Amino acid sequence: MSLQPTITSSVQGIPVFIETISMTPGGHILDTTGLLAGAVVPAGTPVALDDISRIAKVCKTVATYADVAATDKVIRVNKGHLFQVGDNISAAVGGIASVITAIDSSNDSYDIITVDTVLGVLTVGAVLFESTDKGATDGKIKNLPNGLLYNDAKVADGEDVVSVLRGTVYARRIPPLTDDMQASLKGFLFNGSY
């Protein structure tokens, strides 16, 4: 692992950054815990970077594809997320956090996530995030981000990733962010154009 940013990637996708002002000095190793081997983590994914261990932990998020009723345990979400069965998921910090019991990706337009406890009423585009725990008031962002991945990365042991710490990003080209996540990414401007 070098001490200078290495702008290489095992996969390529669409550009998500308009401008990069500051990047990690040297790469971080992608933490593959809870990620499907061989999956692609897209550029712009929020990550929690630990500069001591040099580990990058992915902050999993997804937006709802359709409204969710108060009693729904089945949630239609946009494709392209990194959630797995067994992950805790929530829609609000301090709100309900549930365990994902099933994921159906057979539909071409959306995935269906089934949870063990209802998350409450949600509108189209509501951001769901991976929670540290499960419970009625236990919604807490598992990996609060302080950077965004510069390139797409393949989930594999030893995958070296470079992250942006400050810059301007196309907000609609990256995974959805909660208000708390955006607030933690202080060095970024989020451009609304596509």
C-alpha atoms as a PDB file:
ATOM      1  CA  MET A   1       0.000   0.000   0.000  1.00  0.00           C
ATOM      2  CA  SER A   2       1.570   3.286  -1.134  1.00  0.00           C
ATOM      3  CA  LEU A   3       1.466   6.580   0.699  1.00  0.00           C
ATOM      4  CA  GLN A   4       0.142   8.394  -2.378  1.00  0.00           C
ATOM      5  CA  PRO A   5      -3.334   7.958  -3.910  1.00  0.00           C
ATOM      6  CA  THR A   6      -3.400   5.264  -6.563  1.00  0.00           C
ATOM      7  CA  ILE A   7      -6.124   5.946  -9.117  1.00  0.00           C
ATOM      8  CA  THR A   8      -6.698   2.405 -10.289  1.00  0.00           C
ATOM      9  CA  SER A   9      -9.707   0.151  -9.970  1.00  0.00           C
ATOM     10  CA  SER A  10     -10.618  -3.437 -10.723  1.00  0.00           C
ATOM     11  CA  VAL A  11     -13.879  -2.194 -12.308  1.00  0.00           C
ATOM     12  CA  GLN A  12     -15.022   1.072 -13.941  1.00  0.00           C
ATOM     13  CA  GLY A  13     -18.323   2.974 -13.867  1.00  0.00           C
ATOM     14  CA  ILE A  14     -19.771   6.397 -14.661  1.00  0.00           C
ATOM     15  CA  PRO A  15     -17.975   9.471 -13.260  1.00  0.00           C
ATOM     16  CA  VAL A  16     -19.527  10.721 -10.042  1.00  0.00           C
ATOM     17  CA  PHE A  17     -17.156  13.524  -9.079  1.00  0.00           C
ATOM     18  CA  ILE A  18     -17.186  16.975 -10.640  1.00  0.00           C
ATOM     19  CA  GLU A  19     -14.119  18.018  -8.653  1.00  0.00           C
ATOM     20  CA  THR A  20     -11.878  16.312  -6.123  1.00  0.00           C
ATOM     21  CA  ILE A  21     -10.049  18.607  -3.728  1.00  0.00           C
ATOM     22  CA  SER A  22      -8.656  16.157  -1.193  1.00  0.00           C
ATOM     23  CA  MET A  23      -8.166  12.399  -1.331  1.00  0.00           C
ATOM     24  CA  THR A  24      -6.875   9.830   1.141  1.00  0.00           C
ATOM     25  CA  PRO A  25      -3.086   9.844   1.390  1.00  0.00           C
ATOM     26  CA  GLY A  26      -2.563   6.267   0.348  1.00  0.00           C
ATOM     27  CA  GLY A  27      -5.285   3.698   0.079  1.00  0.00           C
ATOM     28  CA  HIS A  28      -7.402   1.844   2.559  1.00  0.00           C
ATOM     29  CA  ILE A  29      -8.274  -1.846   2.428  1.00  0.00           C
ATOM     30  CA  LEU A  30     -11.964  -2.489   1.795  1.00  0.00           C
ATOM     31  CA  ASP A  31     -13.590  -4.271   4.748  1.00  0.00           C
ATOM     32  CA  THR A  32     -15.505  -7.140   3.133  1.00  0.00           C
ATOM     33  CA  THR A  33     -17.470  -8.022   6.276  1.00  0.00           C
ATOM     34  CA  GLY A  34     -21.170  -8.242   5.385  1.00  0.00           C
ATOM     35  CA  LEU A  35     -20.527  -7.789   1.667  1.00  0.00           C
ATOM     36  CA  LEU A  36     -21.079 -10.389  -1.054  1.00  0.00           C
ATOM     37  CA  ALA A  37     -17.777 -11.588  -2.565  1.00  0.00           C
ATOM     38  CA  GLY A  38     -17.452 -10.392  -6.152  1.00  0.00           C
ATOM     39  CA  ALA A  39     -20.100  -7.653  -5.775  1.00  0.00           C
ATOM     40  CA  VAL A  40     -19.267  -4.160  -6.997  1.00  0.00           C
ATOM     41  CA  VAL A  41     -19.239  -1.266  -4.553  1.00  0.00           C
ATOM     42  CA  PRO A  42     -19.930   1.764  -6.770  1.00  0.00           C
ATOM     43  CA  ALA A  43     -17.903   4.959  -6.893  1.00  0.00           C
ATOM     44  CA  GLY A  44     -19.378   7.552  -4.568  1.00  0.00           C
ATOM     45  CA  THR A  45     -20.407   4.980  -1.953  1.00  0.00           C
ATOM     46  CA  PRO A  46     -20.097   6.496   1.533  1.00  0.00           C
ATOM     47  CA  VAL A  47     -17.346   4.895   3.603  1.00  0.00           C
ATOM     48  CA  ALA A  48     -16.071   5.159   7.168  1.00  0.00           C
ATOM     49  CA  LEU A  49     -12.306   5.462   6.919  1.00  0.00           C
ATOM     50  CA  ASP A  50     -10.049   4.491   9.815  1.00  0.00           C
ATOM     51  CA  ASP A  51      -6.653   6.092   9.317  1.00  0.00           C
ATOM     52  CA  ILE A  52      -5.006   3.945  12.000  1.00  0.00           C
ATOM     53  CA  SER A  53      -6.066   0.515  10.717  1.00  0.00           C
ATOM     54  CA  ARG A  54      -6.264   1.761   7.067  1.00  0.00           C
ATOM     55  CA  ILE A  55      -9.656   0.042   6.735  1.00  0.00           C
ATOM     56  CA  ALA A  56     -12.614   1.392   4.705  1.00  0.00           C
ATOM     57  CA  LYS A  57     -16.032   0.236   5.937  1.00  0.00           C
ATOM     58  CA  VAL A  58     -18.990   0.610   3.582  1.00  0.00           C
ATOM     59  CA  CYS A  59     -22.061   2.522   4.729  1.00  0.00           C
ATOM     60  CA  LYS A  60     -24.962   0.547   3.197  1.00  0.00           C
ATOM     61  CA  THR A  61     -27.968   2.561   2.052  1.00  0.00           C
ATOM     62  CA  VAL A  62     -30.915   2.184  -0.318  1.00  0.00           C
ATOM     63  CA  ALA A  63     -33.937   4.304  -1.283  1.00  0.00           C
ATOM     64  CA  THR A  64     -37.495   2.999  -1.248  1.00  0.00           C
ATOM     65  CA  TYR A  65     -38.956   2.340  -4.683  1.00  0.00           C
ATOM     66  CA  ALA A  66     -42.571   2.756  -3.519  1.00  0.00           C
ATOM     67  CA  ASP A  67     -44.523   4.030  -0.522  1.00  0.00           C
ATOM     68  CA  VAL A  68     -44.505   1.774   2.546  1.00  0.00           C
ATOM     69  CA  ALA A  69     -47.586   1.442   4.765  1.00  0.00           C
ATOM     70  CA  ALA A  70     -47.418   1.292   8.557  1.00  0.00           C
ATOM     71  CA  THR A  71     -48.028  -2.467   8.581  1.00  0.00           C
ATOM     72  CA  ASP A  72     -45.769  -3.451   5.663  1.00  0.00           C
ATOM     73  CA  LYS A  73     -42.952  -5.894   6.344  1.00  0.00           C
ATOM     74  CA  VAL A  74     -42.253  -6.118   2.608  1.00  0.00           C
ATOM     75  CA  ILE A  75     -40.447  -3.085   1.184  1.00  0.00           C
ATOM     76  CA  ARG A  76     -39.737  -2.410  -2.483  1.00  0.00           C
ATOM     77  CA  VAL A  77     -36.346  -0.731  -2.854  1.00  0.00           C
ATOM     78  CA  ASN A  78     -34.165   0.461  -5.719  1.00  0.00           C
ATOM     79  CA  LYS A  79     -31.708  -1.962  -7.229  1.00  0.00           C
ATOM     80  CA  GLY A  80     -27.950  -1.651  -6.739  1.00  0.00           C
ATOM     81  CA  HIS A  81     -27.833  -1.821  -2.939  1.00  0.00           C
ATOM     82  CA  LEU A  82     -25.381  -3.926  -0.910  1.00  0.00           C
ATOM     83  CA  PHE A  83     -27.752  -5.220   1.784  1.00  0.00           C
ATOM     84  CA  GLN A  84     -27.710  -8.901   2.746  1.00  0.00           C
ATOM     85  CA  VAL A  85     -30.111 -11.135   4.669  1.00  0.00           C
ATOM     86  CA  GLY A  86     -29.281 -10.729   8.369  1.00  0.00           C
ATOM     87  CA  ASP A  87     -28.381  -7.018   8.128  1.00  0.00           C
ATOM     88  CA  ASN A  88     -30.138  -4.600  10.462  1.00  0.00           C
ATOM     89  CA  ILE A  89     -31.965  -1.845   8.573  1.00  0.00           C
ATOM     90  CA  SER A  90     -33.611   1.409   9.680  1.00  0.00           C
ATOM     91  CA  ALA A  91     -35.161   4.560   8.248  1.00  0.00           C
ATOM     92  CA  ALA A  92     -34.457   6.926  11.156  1.00  0.00           C
ATOM     93  CA  VAL A  93     -31.711   7.453  13.697  1.00  0.00           C
ATOM     94  CA  GLY A  94     -33.318   6.614  17.034  1.00  0.00           C
ATOM     95  CA  GLY A  95     -36.196   4.927  15.210  1.00  0.00           C
ATOM     96  CA  ILE A  96     -37.167   1.325  14.570  1.00  0.00           C
ATOM     97  CA  ALA A  97     -34.429  -0.993  13.320  1.00  0.00           C
ATOM     98  CA  SER A  98     -35.359  -4.384  11.879  1.00  0.00           C
ATOM     99  CA  VAL A  99     -33.524  -7.457  10.631  1.00  0.00           C
ATOM    100  CA  ILE A 100     -33.686  -8.311   6.933  1.00  0.00           C
ATOM    101  CA  THR A 101     -35.129 -11.824   6.636  1.00  0.00           C
ATOM    102  CA  ALA A 102     -35.307 -12.101   2.829  1.00  0.00           C
ATOM    103  CA  ILE A 103     -34.297 -10.256  -0.345  1.00  0.00           C
ATOM    104  CA  ASP A 104     -36.038 -10.972  -3.650  1.00  0.00           C
ATOM    105  CA  SER A 105     -34.156  -9.538  -6.640  1.00  0.00           C
ATOM    106  CA  SER A 106     -36.183 -11.286  -9.357  1.00  0.00           C
ATOM    107  CA  ASN A 107     -37.956  -8.111 -10.537  1.00  0.00           C
ATOM    108  CA  ASP A 108     -36.082  -6.069 -13.171  1.00  0.00           C
ATOM    109  CA  SER A 109     -37.141  -2.711 -11.701  1.00  0.00           C
ATOM    110  CA  TYR A 110     -36.762  -3.140  -7.942  1.00  0.00           C
ATOM    111  CA  ASP A 111     -35.782  -5.531  -5.138  1.00  0.00           C
ATOM    112  CA  ILE A 112     -38.087  -6.634  -2.348  1.00  0.00           C
ATOM    113  CA  ILE A 113     -36.657  -6.571   1.166  1.00  0.00           C
ATOM    114  CA  THR A 114     -38.600  -8.407   3.876  1.00  0.00           C
ATOM    115  CA  VAL A 115     -37.999  -7.335   7.487  1.00  0.00           C
ATOM    116  CA  ASP A 116     -38.966  -8.968  10.783  1.00  0.00           C
ATOM    117  CA  THR A 117     -40.513  -5.790  12.247  1.00  0.00           C
ATOM    118  CA  VAL A 118     -42.344  -2.974  10.445  1.00  0.00           C
ATOM    119  CA  LEU A 119     -40.362   0.234   9.945  1.00  0.00           C
ATOM    120  CA  GLY A 120     -43.451   2.464   9.788  1.00  0.00           C
ATOM    121  CA  VAL A 121     -44.844   4.722   7.064  1.00  0.00           C
ATOM    122  CA  LEU A 122     -42.278   5.649   4.396  1.00  0.00           C
ATOM    123  CA  THR A 123     -42.624   7.567   1.150  1.00  0.00           C
ATOM    124  CA  VAL A 124     -40.979   6.878  -2.194  1.00  0.00           C
ATOM    125  CA  GLY A 125     -37.294   7.799  -2.005  1.00  0.00           C
ATOM    126  CA  ALA A 126     -36.971   7.406   1.781  1.00  0.00           C
ATOM    127  CA  VAL A 127     -33.393   6.425   2.631  1.00  0.00           C
ATOM    128  CA  LEU A 128     -32.864   3.191   4.547  1.00  0.00           C
ATOM    129  CA  PHE A 129     -29.488   2.553   6.180  1.00  0.00           C
ATOM    130  CA  GLU A 130     -27.646  -0.291   7.870  1.00  0.00           C
ATOM    131  CA  SER A 131     -28.090  -0.040  11.629  1.00  0.00           C
ATOM    132  CA  THR A 132     -25.733  -1.217  14.352  1.00  0.00           C
ATOM    133  CA  ASP A 133     -28.541  -2.945  16.220  1.00  0.00           C
ATOM    134  CA  LYS A 134     -32.216  -3.958  16.062  1.00  0.00           C
ATOM    135  CA  GLY A 135     -35.029  -2.653  18.234  1.00  0.00           C
ATOM    136  CA  ALA A 136     -37.827  -0.104  18.658  1.00  0.00           C
ATOM    137  CA  THR A 137     -35.478   2.869  19.169  1.00  0.00           C
ATOM    138  CA  ASP A 138     -32.154   1.375  18.082  1.00  0.00           C
ATOM    139  CA  GLY A 139     -31.758   2.862  14.602  1.00  0.00           C
ATOM    140  CA  LYS A 140     -28.130   4.011  14.440  1.00  0.00           C
ATOM    141  CA  ILE A 141     -25.918   4.374  11.366  1.00  0.00           C
ATOM    142  CA  LYS A 142     -23.482   1.468  11.508  1.00  0.00           C
ATOM    143  CA  ASN A 143     -20.628   3.164   9.652  1.00  0.00           C
ATOM    144  CA  LEU A 144     -20.954   6.953   9.736  1.00  0.00           C
ATOM    145  CA  PRO A 145     -19.124   8.077   6.585  1.00  0.00           C
ATOM    146  CA  ASN A 146     -16.231  10.503   6.373  1.00  0.00           C
ATOM    147  CA  GLY A 147     -15.403   9.886   2.709  1.00  0.00           C
ATOM    148  CA  LEU A 148     -16.739   8.652  -0.630  1.00  0.00           C
ATOM    149  CA  LEU A 149     -15.125   5.929  -2.762  1.00  0.00           C
ATOM    150  CA  TYR A 150     -13.313   7.418  -5.751  1.00  0.00           C
ATOM    151  CA  ASN A 151     -13.700   4.389  -8.049  1.00  0.00           C
ATOM    152  CA  ASP A 152     -15.917   1.332  -8.261  1.00  0.00           C
ATOM    153  CA  ALA A 153     -14.385  -1.496  -6.217  1.00  0.00           C
ATOM    154  CA  LYS A 154     -14.885  -5.242  -6.360  1.00  0.00           C
ATOM    155  CA  VAL A 155     -15.516  -6.976  -3.038  1.00  0.00           C
ATOM    156  CA  ALA A 156     -12.416  -9.105  -2.603  1.00  0.00           C
ATOM    157  CA  ASP A 157      -9.865  -9.711   0.144  1.00  0.00           C
ATOM    158  CA  GLY A 158      -7.125  -7.086   0.060  1.00  0.00           C
ATOM    159  CA  GLU A 159      -8.963  -4.704  -2.321  1.00  0.00           C
ATOM    160  CA  ASP A 160      -7.136  -1.374  -2.050  1.00  0.00           C
ATOM    161  CA  VAL A 161      -9.479   1.630  -2.404  1.00  0.00           C
ATOM    162  CA  VAL A 162      -8.949   5.374  -2.660  1.00  0.00           C
ATOM    163  CA  SER A 163     -11.516   7.746  -1.204  1.00  0.00           C
ATOM    164  CA  VAL A 164     -12.339  11.410  -1.659  1.00  0.00           C
ATOM    165  CA  LEU A 165     -12.418  13.535   1.501  1.00  0.00           C
ATOM    166  CA  ARG A 166     -13.402  16.876  -0.082  1.00  0.00           C
ATOM    167  CA  GLY A 167     -14.934  17.717  -3.419  1.00  0.00           C
ATOM    168  CA  THR A 168     -18.062  18.172  -5.509  1.00  0.00           C
ATOM    169  CA  VAL A 169     -20.154  15.142  -6.385  1.00  0.00           C
ATOM    170  CA  TYR A 170     -23.205  14.431  -8.545  1.00  0.00           C
ATOM    171  CA  ALA A 171     -25.664  13.600  -5.744  1.00  0.00           C
ATOM    172  CA  ARG A 172     -27.957  11.576  -8.018  1.00  0.00           C
ATOM    173  CA  ARG A 173     -25.129   9.294  -9.178  1.00  0.00           C
ATOM    174  CA  ILE A 174     -24.134   8.061  -5.731  1.00  0.00           C
ATOM    175  CA  PRO A 175     -26.005   5.842  -3.252  1.00  0.00           C
ATOM    176  CA  PRO A 176     -28.645   7.795  -1.299  1.00  0.00           C
ATOM    177  CA  LEU A 177     -27.579   9.568   1.885  1.00  0.00           C
ATOM    178  CA  THR A 178     -29.505  10.448   5.026  1.00  0.00           C
ATOM    179  CA  ASP A 179     -29.275  14.009   6.378  1.00  0.00           C
ATOM    180  CA  ASP A 180     -26.944  12.725   9.129  1.00  0.00           C
ATOM    181  CA  MET A 181     -24.630  11.198   6.527  1.00  0.00           C
ATOM    182  CA  GLN A 182     -24.546  14.375   4.465  1.00  0.00           C
ATOM    183  CA  ALA A 183     -23.749  16.353   7.617  1.00  0.00           C
ATOM    184  CA  SER A 184     -20.845  14.015   8.417  1.00  0.00           C
ATOM    185  CA  LEU A 185     -19.425  14.565   4.903  1.00  0.00           C
ATOM    186  CA  LYS A 186     -18.536  18.193   5.654  1.00  0.00           C
ATOM    187  CA  GLY A 187     -16.056  18.609   2.826  1.00  0.00           C
ATOM    188  CA  PHE A 188     -18.528  17.917   0.010  1.00  0.00           C
ATOM    189  CA  LEU A 189     -20.817  19.931  -2.205  1.00  0.00           C
ATOM    190  CA  PHE A 190     -23.695  17.849  -3.593  1.00  0.00           C
ATOM    191  CA  ASN A 191     -24.678  18.857  -7.127  1.00  0.00           C
ATOM    192  CA  GLY A 192     -28.291  18.011  -8.017  1.00  0.00           C
ATOM    193  CA  SER A 193     -27.798  17.661 -11.787  1.00  0.00           C
ATOM    194  CA  TYR A 194     -27.293  14.300 -13.423  1.00  0.00           C
END
